[in-house]
Amino acid sequence: MPKFRRLSTEEMAAMRSYRRGTVDLTEYSAFLQHLGVGDGGEILLDAGDVKRTVKRRLTRAAHLSGKDVRYRRTEGNVVRFEVRPGPE
């Protein structure tokens, strides 16, 4: 059974001060800038990279630049994708 507890005022203040969405997407945006609709790309992940996180960041960068990405199934530490037209 899970255990429930009330957070203190200090814990609530710390939780509120935590800012989401402060990730630097410059590298992702710069890479996408050189790709057009229909082009493909590949990202080789380092040991500390998480595939799901890299995909989420690439998707955010694509949407910010008016594009979309479609991922292809891969094995191991590789992310492959195709650039698609962005949502209108």
N, C-alpha and C. Protein backbone atom coordinates (compact mmCIF):
# COMPACT_ATOMS: atom_id res chain seq x y z
N MET A 1 0.85 -1.18 0.00
CA MET A 1 0.00 0.00 0.00
C MET A 1 0.89 1.24 0.00
N PRO A 2 0.63 2.22 -0.84
CA PRO A 2 1.45 3.44 -0.84
C PRO A 2 1.25 4.24 0.44
N LYS A 3 2.27 5.00 0.79
CA LYS A 3 2.20 5.85 1.98
C LYS A 3 2.04 7.30 1.53
N PHE A 4 1.10 7.99 2.13
CA PHE A 4 0.81 9.38 1.80
C PHE A 4 1.34 10.28 2.90
N ARG A 5 1.80 11.47 2.52
CA ARG A 5 2.21 12.45 3.52
C ARG A 5 2.00 13.84 2.96
N ARG A 6 1.80 14.77 3.84
CA ARG A 6 1.61 16.17 3.46
C ARG A 6 2.97 16.83 3.31
N LEU A 7 3.14 17.65 2.26
CA LEU A 7 4.39 18.37 2.05
C LEU A 7 4.43 19.61 2.91
N SER A 8 5.64 19.94 3.37
CA SER A 8 5.81 21.16 4.17
C SER A 8 5.76 22.38 3.26
N THR A 9 5.66 23.54 3.87
CA THR A 9 5.65 24.79 3.11
C THR A 9 6.95 24.95 2.33
N GLU A 10 8.07 24.57 2.94
CA GLU A 10 9.37 24.67 2.28
C GLU A 10 9.45 23.73 1.07
N GLU A 11 8.93 22.52 1.22
CA GLU A 11 8.93 21.58 0.11
C GLU A 11 8.05 22.06 -1.04
N MET A 12 6.93 22.68 -0.70
CA MET A 12 6.05 23.23 -1.74
C MET A 12 6.72 24.38 -2.47
N ALA A 13 7.42 25.24 -1.72
CA ALA A 13 8.12 26.37 -2.34
C ALA A 13 9.20 25.86 -3.28
N ALA A 14 9.94 24.84 -2.86
CA ALA A 14 10.99 24.27 -3.71
C ALA A 14 10.39 23.64 -4.95
N MET A 15 9.26 22.97 -4.80
CA MET A 15 8.61 22.33 -5.94
C MET A 15 8.11 23.38 -6.94
N ARG A 16 7.58 24.47 -6.45
CA ARG A 16 7.08 25.53 -7.34
C ARG A 16 8.21 26.26 -8.06
N SER A 17 9.37 26.35 -7.41
CA SER A 17 10.47 27.09 -8.02
C SER A 17 11.16 26.28 -9.11
N TYR A 18 10.94 24.98 -9.13
CA TYR A 18 11.52 24.14 -10.17
C TYR A 18 10.86 24.49 -11.50
N ARG A 19 11.68 24.86 -12.47
CA ARG A 19 11.14 25.30 -13.76
C ARG A 19 11.31 24.20 -14.79
N ARG A 20 10.24 23.88 -15.45
CA ARG A 20 10.29 22.90 -16.53
C ARG A 20 10.49 23.63 -17.85
N GLY A 21 10.98 22.91 -18.81
CA GLY A 21 11.09 23.47 -20.15
C GLY A 21 12.27 24.39 -20.35
N THR A 22 13.29 24.28 -19.52
CA THR A 22 14.45 25.15 -19.66
C THR A 22 15.59 24.46 -20.41
N VAL A 23 15.28 23.41 -21.14
CA VAL A 23 16.30 22.67 -21.87
C VAL A 23 16.72 23.47 -23.10
N ASP A 24 18.02 23.48 -23.36
CA ASP A 24 18.55 24.19 -24.52
C ASP A 24 18.39 23.31 -25.76
N LEU A 25 17.56 23.75 -26.69
CA LEU A 25 17.28 23.00 -27.91
C LEU A 25 18.08 23.51 -29.10
N THR A 26 19.08 24.34 -28.86
CA THR A 26 19.85 24.97 -29.94
C THR A 26 20.47 23.94 -30.87
N GLU A 27 21.08 22.91 -30.31
CA GLU A 27 21.75 21.90 -31.13
C GLU A 27 20.74 21.15 -32.01
N TYR A 28 19.59 20.84 -31.45
CA TYR A 28 18.55 20.15 -32.19
C TYR A 28 18.00 21.04 -33.31
N SER A 29 17.74 22.30 -32.99
CA SER A 29 17.20 23.25 -33.98
C SER A 29 18.19 23.49 -35.10
N ALA A 30 19.47 23.62 -34.75
CA ALA A 30 20.50 23.86 -35.76
C ALA A 30 20.59 22.69 -36.73
N PHE A 31 20.48 21.48 -36.22
CA PHE A 31 20.53 20.30 -37.09
C PHE A 31 19.32 20.26 -38.02
N LEU A 32 18.15 20.53 -37.46
CA LEU A 32 16.92 20.51 -38.26
C LEU A 32 16.88 21.61 -39.31
N GLN A 33 17.58 22.70 -39.06
CA GLN A 33 17.60 23.83 -39.98
C GLN A 33 18.16 23.42 -41.34
N HIS A 34 19.06 22.44 -41.34
CA HIS A 34 19.70 22.00 -42.57
C HIS A 34 18.92 20.89 -43.28
N LEU A 35 17.79 20.49 -42.71
CA LEU A 35 16.98 19.43 -43.31
C LEU A 35 15.65 19.98 -43.78
N GLY A 36 15.23 19.54 -44.94
CA GLY A 36 13.94 19.94 -45.47
C GLY A 36 12.93 18.81 -45.34
N VAL A 37 11.69 19.10 -45.70
CA VAL A 37 10.63 18.09 -45.65
C VAL A 37 11.01 16.94 -46.58
N GLY A 38 10.92 15.73 -46.07
CA GLY A 38 11.28 14.55 -46.84
C GLY A 38 12.69 14.07 -46.58
N ASP A 39 13.52 14.91 -45.97
CA ASP A 39 14.89 14.50 -45.63
C ASP A 39 14.86 13.63 -44.38
N GLY A 40 15.90 12.85 -44.22
CA GLY A 40 16.02 12.00 -43.05
C GLY A 40 17.25 12.36 -42.25
N GLY A 41 17.27 11.92 -41.01
CA GLY A 41 18.40 12.18 -40.14
C GLY A 41 18.63 11.02 -39.19
N GLU A 42 19.81 11.02 -38.61
CA GLU A 42 20.18 9.97 -37.67
C GLU A 42 20.95 10.60 -36.52
N ILE A 43 20.65 10.18 -35.32
CA ILE A 43 21.33 10.66 -34.13
C ILE A 43 21.94 9.45 -33.44
N LEU A 44 23.25 9.49 -33.21
CA LEU A 44 23.93 8.44 -32.45
C LEU A 44 24.00 8.88 -31.00
N LEU A 45 23.45 8.10 -30.11
CA LEU A 45 23.37 8.46 -28.71
C LEU A 45 24.66 8.12 -27.97
N ASP A 46 25.04 9.00 -27.04
CA ASP A 46 26.17 8.73 -26.15
C ASP A 46 25.70 7.81 -25.03
N ALA A 47 26.62 7.37 -24.21
CA ALA A 47 26.30 6.42 -23.14
C ALA A 47 25.26 6.97 -22.17
N GLY A 48 25.29 8.27 -21.86
CA GLY A 48 24.36 8.84 -20.90
C GLY A 48 23.04 9.31 -21.48
N ASP A 49 22.88 9.25 -22.79
CA ASP A 49 21.66 9.74 -23.44
C ASP A 49 20.53 8.72 -23.33
N VAL A 50 19.32 9.23 -23.20
CA VAL A 50 18.13 8.39 -23.16
C VAL A 50 17.36 8.62 -24.46
N LYS A 51 17.07 7.56 -25.17
CA LYS A 51 16.43 7.66 -26.48
C LYS A 51 15.13 8.45 -26.42
N ARG A 52 14.32 8.18 -25.43
CA ARG A 52 13.03 8.86 -25.30
C ARG A 52 13.20 10.37 -25.10
N THR A 53 14.19 10.77 -24.32
CA THR A 53 14.45 12.18 -24.07
C THR A 53 14.92 12.88 -25.34
N VAL A 54 15.82 12.24 -26.07
CA VAL A 54 16.33 12.82 -27.32
C VAL A 54 15.19 13.00 -28.32
N LYS A 55 14.31 12.01 -28.42
CA LYS A 55 13.17 12.12 -29.34
C LYS A 55 12.25 13.27 -28.94
N ARG A 56 11.99 13.40 -27.66
CA ARG A 56 11.10 14.47 -27.19
C ARG A 56 11.71 15.84 -27.50
N ARG A 57 13.00 15.99 -27.28
CA ARG A 57 13.66 17.28 -27.56
C ARG A 57 13.67 17.57 -29.05
N LEU A 58 13.92 16.56 -29.87
CA LEU A 58 13.91 16.76 -31.31
C LEU A 58 12.52 17.13 -31.80
N THR A 59 11.50 16.50 -31.26
CA THR A 59 10.12 16.82 -31.63
C THR A 59 9.79 18.26 -31.24
N ARG A 60 10.18 18.70 -30.05
CA ARG A 60 9.93 20.08 -29.63
C ARG A 60 10.64 21.07 -30.54
N ALA A 61 11.90 20.79 -30.87
CA ALA A 61 12.65 21.68 -31.76
C ALA A 61 12.02 21.72 -33.14
N ALA A 62 11.54 20.59 -33.62
CA ALA A 62 10.89 20.55 -34.94
C ALA A 62 9.62 21.38 -34.93
N HIS A 63 8.80 21.26 -33.91
CA HIS A 63 7.56 22.02 -33.84
C HIS A 63 7.84 23.52 -33.74
N LEU A 64 8.89 23.90 -33.02
CA LEU A 64 9.25 25.32 -32.92
C LEU A 64 9.69 25.89 -34.26
N SER A 65 10.22 25.04 -35.15
CA SER A 65 10.65 25.51 -36.47
C SER A 65 9.62 25.24 -37.55
N GLY A 66 8.40 24.84 -37.15
CA GLY A 66 7.33 24.64 -38.12
C GLY A 66 7.39 23.31 -38.86
N LYS A 67 8.11 22.35 -38.30
CA LYS A 67 8.24 21.03 -38.93
C LYS A 67 7.71 19.97 -37.97
N ASP A 68 7.68 18.75 -38.47
CA ASP A 68 7.33 17.61 -37.64
C ASP A 68 8.32 16.50 -37.96
N VAL A 69 8.43 15.51 -37.11
CA VAL A 69 9.32 14.38 -37.38
C VAL A 69 8.56 13.08 -37.17
N ARG A 70 8.90 12.11 -37.98
CA ARG A 70 8.35 10.76 -37.84
C ARG A 70 9.54 9.84 -37.60
N TYR A 71 9.47 9.10 -36.52
CA TYR A 71 10.58 8.24 -36.12
C TYR A 71 10.45 6.86 -36.76
N ARG A 72 11.59 6.28 -37.06
CA ARG A 72 11.67 4.92 -37.59
C ARG A 72 12.20 4.01 -36.49
N ARG A 73 11.69 2.82 -36.45
CA ARG A 73 12.11 1.86 -35.42
C ARG A 73 13.58 1.49 -35.62
N THR A 74 14.34 1.55 -34.53
CA THR A 74 15.76 1.22 -34.59
C THR A 74 16.14 0.40 -33.37
N GLU A 75 17.26 -0.25 -33.45
CA GLU A 75 17.82 -1.01 -32.34
C GLU A 75 19.04 -0.27 -31.80
N GLY A 76 19.31 -0.44 -30.54
CA GLY A 76 20.53 0.11 -29.96
C GLY A 76 20.47 1.60 -29.71
N ASN A 77 21.62 2.25 -29.89
CA ASN A 77 21.76 3.66 -29.53
C ASN A 77 21.65 4.59 -30.73
N VAL A 78 20.69 4.34 -31.60
CA VAL A 78 20.48 5.16 -32.80
C VAL A 78 19.03 5.62 -32.85
N VAL A 79 18.84 6.88 -33.23
CA VAL A 79 17.50 7.42 -33.49
C VAL A 79 17.48 7.86 -34.95
N ARG A 80 16.56 7.31 -35.73
CA ARG A 80 16.40 7.69 -37.13
C ARG A 80 15.04 8.32 -37.30
N PHE A 81 14.99 9.33 -38.17
CA PHE A 81 13.73 10.04 -38.34
C PHE A 81 13.63 10.64 -39.73
N GLU A 82 12.41 11.00 -40.09
CA GLU A 82 12.12 11.69 -41.35
C GLU A 82 11.45 13.02 -41.01
N VAL A 83 11.85 14.08 -41.69
CA VAL A 83 11.24 15.39 -41.48
C VAL A 83 9.95 15.46 -42.29
N ARG A 84 8.89 15.88 -41.62
CA ARG A 84 7.57 15.97 -42.23
C ARG A 84 7.08 17.41 -42.17
N PRO A 85 6.06 17.74 -42.95
CA PRO A 85 5.48 19.09 -42.83
C PRO A 85 4.90 19.29 -41.44
N GLY A 86 5.04 20.49 -40.93
CA GLY A 86 4.53 20.80 -39.60
C GLY A 86 3.03 20.96 -39.58
N PRO A 87 2.47 20.94 -38.38
CA PRO A 87 1.02 21.15 -38.25
C PRO A 87 0.64 22.56 -38.69
N GLU A 88 -0.48 22.65 -39.36
CA GLU A 88 -0.89 23.97 -39.87
C GLU A 88 -1.95 24.59 -39.03
